[in-house]
């Protein structure tokens, strides 16, 4: 006997936003996400603040806050939500971002690693982002004060608090 699995869509996920729970959607499957801790939130907020200041000063595009979902794959849908995202000027409609999930990959995503994250979960996110067309993915490790910078899975480098990103 074969059981059919019901896959969710980006629209289904968007309707769940009113429940107060956080989810990502990976190939149609809902993944519930636990709330982040204080350190995670502080690190993500500081990155957002600095990146936003630079982007606005140079009129480079738009920065999106933590947990903004982006539909990066359709049929079945994948909606990922980075801790910080940047989209270059001219890639969003002049009317601004849609009410729902933008159907595009950001140019830059930032993922802040929490103590409960596994290496395979982080790698899966980075692979999804890069496959979708993200030009740069930063994986921030607060524990070691380091950042893995990915341009592709083959081209990555690790920066420490002694480096400039």
Protein backbone atom coordinates (compact mmCIF):
# COMPACT_ATOMS: atom_id res chain seq x y z
CA UNK A 1 0.00 0.00 0.00
CA UNK A 2 1.39 3.40 -0.97
CA UNK A 3 0.52 6.41 1.11
CA UNK A 4 0.43 9.68 -0.77
CA UNK A 5 2.14 12.58 0.89
CA UNK A 6 0.36 15.92 0.67
CA UNK A 7 2.78 18.60 -0.37
CA UNK A 8 2.33 22.20 0.71
CA UNK A 9 2.75 25.23 -1.53
CA UNK A 10 4.21 28.67 -0.90
CA UNK A 11 0.63 29.97 -0.64
CA UNK A 12 -0.16 27.37 2.04
CA UNK A 13 2.92 28.45 3.96
CA UNK A 14 2.00 32.13 3.69
CA UNK A 15 -1.41 31.36 5.23
CA UNK A 16 0.37 29.72 8.19
CA UNK A 17 2.12 32.99 9.09
CA UNK A 18 -0.91 33.93 11.20
CA UNK A 19 -0.41 30.90 13.49
CA UNK A 20 2.63 32.45 15.18
CA UNK A 21 4.81 29.45 14.31
CA UNK A 22 7.81 29.71 11.99
CA UNK A 23 8.30 27.38 9.05
CA UNK A 24 10.38 26.92 5.95
CA UNK A 25 9.14 24.91 3.00
CA UNK A 26 11.56 22.49 1.34
CA UNK A 27 10.36 20.70 -1.78
CA UNK A 28 6.78 20.97 -0.53
CA UNK A 29 7.48 19.74 3.01
CA UNK A 30 6.92 22.08 5.96
CA UNK A 31 9.81 22.33 8.42
CA UNK A 32 8.94 23.95 11.74
CA UNK A 33 11.65 26.26 13.04
CA UNK A 34 12.24 26.90 16.73
CA UNK A 35 12.53 30.49 17.93
CA UNK A 36 16.09 31.74 18.02
CA UNK A 37 17.98 32.53 21.18
CA UNK A 38 19.23 35.89 22.39
CA UNK A 39 22.76 35.65 20.98
CA UNK A 40 21.46 34.57 17.58
CA UNK A 41 19.03 37.50 17.49
CA UNK A 42 21.67 40.00 18.55
CA UNK A 43 24.17 38.80 15.94
CA UNK A 44 21.56 38.82 13.14
CA UNK A 45 20.36 42.28 14.19
CA UNK A 46 23.89 43.71 14.19
CA UNK A 47 24.60 42.29 10.74
CA UNK A 48 21.30 43.69 9.44
CA UNK A 49 22.05 47.12 10.93
CA UNK A 50 25.53 47.37 9.41
CA UNK A 51 24.57 45.94 6.04
CA UNK A 52 21.46 48.15 5.84
CA UNK A 53 23.50 51.27 6.64
CA UNK A 54 26.01 50.48 3.89
CA UNK A 55 23.34 49.59 1.32
CA UNK A 56 21.29 52.72 2.02
CA UNK A 57 24.34 55.00 2.04
CA UNK A 58 25.33 53.74 -1.43
CA UNK A 59 21.77 53.23 -2.78
CA UNK A 60 22.53 49.60 -3.65
CA UNK A 61 19.14 47.93 -3.17
CA UNK A 62 17.08 46.49 -0.34
CA UNK A 63 17.94 44.61 2.87
CA UNK A 64 15.36 42.23 4.31
CA UNK A 65 15.04 41.36 7.99
CA UNK A 66 15.21 37.95 9.57
CA UNK A 67 12.69 35.33 8.49
CA UNK A 68 11.58 37.00 5.25
CA UNK A 69 10.66 34.07 3.03
CA UNK A 70 11.82 33.77 -0.58
CA UNK A 71 10.31 31.21 -2.95
CA UNK A 72 13.40 29.83 -4.66
CA UNK A 73 11.90 26.75 -6.29
CA UNK A 74 8.50 25.83 -7.70
CA UNK A 75 6.74 22.52 -8.25
CA UNK A 76 7.17 21.47 -5.46
CA UNK A 77 7.83 24.79 -3.78
CA UNK A 78 10.81 25.69 -1.63
CA UNK A 79 10.64 28.80 0.54
CA UNK A 80 13.72 29.58 2.59
CA UNK A 81 14.02 32.38 5.15
CA UNK A 82 17.53 33.64 5.91
CA UNK A 83 18.49 35.71 8.94
CA UNK A 84 19.38 38.66 6.65
CA UNK A 85 19.04 39.08 2.89
CA UNK A 86 20.06 41.67 0.29
CA UNK A 87 18.61 42.21 -3.19
CA UNK A 88 20.41 44.53 -5.59
CA UNK A 89 18.70 47.63 -6.93
CA UNK A 90 16.58 46.95 -10.00
CA UNK A 91 15.82 43.30 -9.22
CA UNK A 92 12.58 44.05 -7.38
CA UNK A 93 9.55 45.67 -9.03
CA UNK A 94 9.50 49.47 -8.81
CA UNK A 95 6.32 49.15 -6.76
CA UNK A 96 8.37 47.38 -4.09
CA UNK A 97 8.41 43.85 -2.76
CA UNK A 98 5.24 41.74 -2.99
CA UNK A 99 2.99 41.15 0.01
CA UNK A 100 3.78 37.42 -0.24
CA UNK A 101 7.09 35.69 -0.79
CA UNK A 102 9.29 37.19 -3.51
CA UNK A 103 9.83 34.69 -6.35
CA UNK A 104 13.55 35.23 -6.58
CA UNK A 105 16.79 34.45 -4.85
CA UNK A 106 18.48 37.31 -3.00
CA UNK A 107 21.96 38.37 -4.06
CA UNK A 108 23.28 37.83 -0.53
CA UNK A 109 21.93 35.71 2.31
CA UNK A 110 23.20 35.52 5.88
CA UNK A 111 22.55 32.48 8.04
CA UNK A 112 23.50 32.73 11.73
CA UNK A 113 24.22 29.30 13.20
CA UNK A 114 22.39 28.43 16.42
CA UNK A 115 23.56 25.78 18.90
CA UNK A 116 20.81 23.38 17.75
CA UNK A 117 21.68 23.62 14.03
CA UNK A 118 23.38 20.62 12.49
CA UNK A 119 26.12 20.80 9.87
CA UNK A 120 23.90 18.95 7.39
CA UNK A 121 21.03 21.42 7.91
CA UNK A 122 23.32 24.39 7.31
CA UNK A 123 24.89 22.76 4.26
CA UNK A 124 21.44 21.98 2.81
CA UNK A 125 20.42 25.63 3.20
CA UNK A 126 23.61 26.89 1.56
CA UNK A 127 23.20 24.42 -1.31
CA UNK A 128 19.56 25.50 -1.81
CA UNK A 129 20.52 29.18 -1.83
CA UNK A 130 23.41 28.74 -4.26
CA UNK A 131 21.42 26.47 -6.59
CA UNK A 132 18.68 29.15 -6.66
CA UNK A 133 21.16 31.80 -7.81
CA UNK A 134 22.36 33.52 -4.65
CA UNK A 135 25.71 35.13 -5.44
CA UNK A 136 27.03 35.14 -1.89
CA UNK A 137 26.04 33.18 1.25
CA UNK A 138 27.51 34.03 4.63
CA UNK A 139 27.28 31.43 7.39
CA UNK A 140 28.04 33.13 10.69
CA UNK A 141 29.37 31.08 13.60
CA UNK A 142 28.97 33.22 16.77
CA UNK A 143 30.69 30.58 18.91
CA UNK A 144 33.99 30.85 16.98
CA UNK A 145 33.48 34.44 15.79
CA UNK A 146 33.95 33.33 12.21
CA UNK A 147 32.08 33.54 8.90
CA UNK A 148 32.15 31.03 6.06
CA UNK A 149 31.70 32.95 2.81
CA UNK A 150 30.34 30.89 -0.10
CA UNK A 151 30.32 31.90 -3.76
CA UNK A 152 29.75 28.24 -4.66
CA UNK A 153 30.12 24.95 -2.84
CA UNK A 154 33.60 24.70 -4.38
CA UNK A 155 34.58 28.29 -3.66
CA UNK A 156 34.32 29.13 0.02
CA UNK A 157 36.58 30.82 2.53
CA UNK A 158 36.48 31.29 6.28
CA UNK A 159 37.02 34.68 7.84
CA UNK A 160 37.76 35.35 11.51
CA UNK A 161 37.28 38.44 13.65
CA UNK A 162 40.70 39.58 12.39
CA UNK A 163 39.39 39.86 8.79
CA UNK A 164 37.20 42.38 7.00
CA UNK A 165 34.14 41.08 5.21
